[in-house]
Protein backbone atom coordinates (compact mmCIF):
# COMPACT_ATOMS: atom_id res chain seq x y z
CA ASP A 1 41.98 68.69 41.65
CA GLY A 2 44.50 67.83 38.95
CA PHE A 3 47.47 67.90 41.34
CA HIS A 4 47.31 64.16 41.97
CA GLU A 5 47.14 63.59 38.20
CA ALA A 6 50.30 65.64 37.72
CA ILE A 7 52.14 63.68 40.41
CA GLY A 8 51.03 60.37 38.90
CA ASP A 9 52.08 61.46 35.41
CA PHE A 10 55.43 62.66 36.75
CA ILE A 11 56.14 59.29 38.35
CA ALA A 12 54.92 57.28 35.36
CA LEU A 13 56.95 59.31 32.88
CA SER A 14 60.10 59.14 35.01
CA ILE A 15 60.21 55.34 34.88
CA THR A 16 62.23 54.79 31.72
CA PRO A 17 63.72 51.55 30.40
CA ASP A 18 67.20 52.84 31.30
CA TYR A 19 66.03 53.39 34.88
CA LEU A 20 64.59 49.86 35.02
CA VAL A 21 67.96 48.51 33.83
CA GLN A 22 69.75 50.61 36.43
CA ILE A 23 67.72 49.16 39.31
CA GLY A 24 67.96 45.62 37.94
CA LEU A 25 64.36 45.05 36.85
CA LEU A 26 65.18 44.82 33.15
CA ASP A 27 68.08 43.36 31.17
CA LYS A 28 69.94 45.72 28.85
CA GLY A 29 69.13 43.37 25.95
CA GLN A 30 65.38 43.85 26.52
CA VAL A 31 65.49 47.61 26.08
CA PRO A 32 64.02 48.58 22.69
CA SER A 33 66.02 50.87 20.42
CA ALA A 34 65.25 54.60 20.25
CA ASP A 35 63.42 54.23 16.93
CA LYS A 36 60.72 52.27 18.77
CA ASP A 37 59.94 55.30 20.97
CA ILE A 38 57.84 57.10 18.34
CA GLY A 39 54.79 54.87 18.78
CA LEU A 40 54.92 55.06 22.56
CA LEU A 41 55.37 58.83 22.56
CA LEU A 42 52.54 59.30 20.05
CA ARG A 43 50.21 57.18 22.16
CA GLN A 44 51.07 59.10 25.33
CA ALA A 45 50.52 62.41 23.54
CA MET A 46 47.17 61.32 22.12
CA ASP A 47 46.00 60.11 25.54
CA LYS A 48 46.75 63.53 27.01
CA VAL A 49 45.47 65.60 24.07
CA ALA A 50 42.21 63.65 23.84
CA PHE A 51 41.57 64.19 27.55
CA LEU A 52 41.99 67.99 27.45
CA PRO A 53 38.47 68.95 26.23
CA PHE A 54 36.81 66.55 28.68
CA GLY A 55 38.97 67.77 31.55
CA LEU A 56 38.09 71.37 30.72
CA LEU A 57 34.36 70.56 30.62
CA VAL A 58 34.48 68.81 34.00
CA ASP A 59 36.44 71.65 35.60
CA LYS A 60 34.04 74.28 34.22
CA TRP A 61 31.09 72.30 35.62
CA ARG A 62 32.84 71.88 38.97
CA TRP A 63 33.67 75.59 39.09
CA GLY A 64 30.01 76.40 38.41
CA VAL A 65 28.89 74.12 41.26
CA PHE A 66 31.39 75.50 43.77
CA SER A 67 30.75 79.12 42.81
CA GLY A 68 26.98 78.67 43.17
CA GLN A 69 26.21 79.38 39.50
CA ILE A 70 24.85 75.84 39.18
CA PRO A 71 22.36 75.09 41.99
CA ALA A 72 21.99 71.61 43.48
CA ASN A 73 18.76 71.00 41.57
CA GLY A 74 20.46 71.96 38.30
CA TYR A 75 23.49 69.66 38.33
CA GLN A 76 22.28 67.69 35.31
CA ALA A 77 21.32 70.79 33.38
CA GLY A 78 24.76 72.26 34.12
CA TRP A 79 26.29 69.84 31.60
CA ASP A 80 24.40 71.45 28.72
C-alpha cells in the first residue's frame, strides 16, 4: 500500500531548486544558499519520522484484517 507514497516522495524530493532553474521556472537569483537547506531538511525528516509509528500501527491493523485475525465485527477493537 505504501508504493504510491514512495513514488510521490521520489518525485517530490527530485524537484530541487537547481532543477527548477534548469527548466526555467525559477531565476538563479531566487535560489536560497545551501545554508538555508538545514531547516527544510529537518522538517522533511521530522515529517517522515513522526509518521513511522502511525504507519506501522495502520499496517499491523490492516494485516490483521486481511489475515482474518481481526473479524469484521471487531474492527474497532482491533485498534486496541
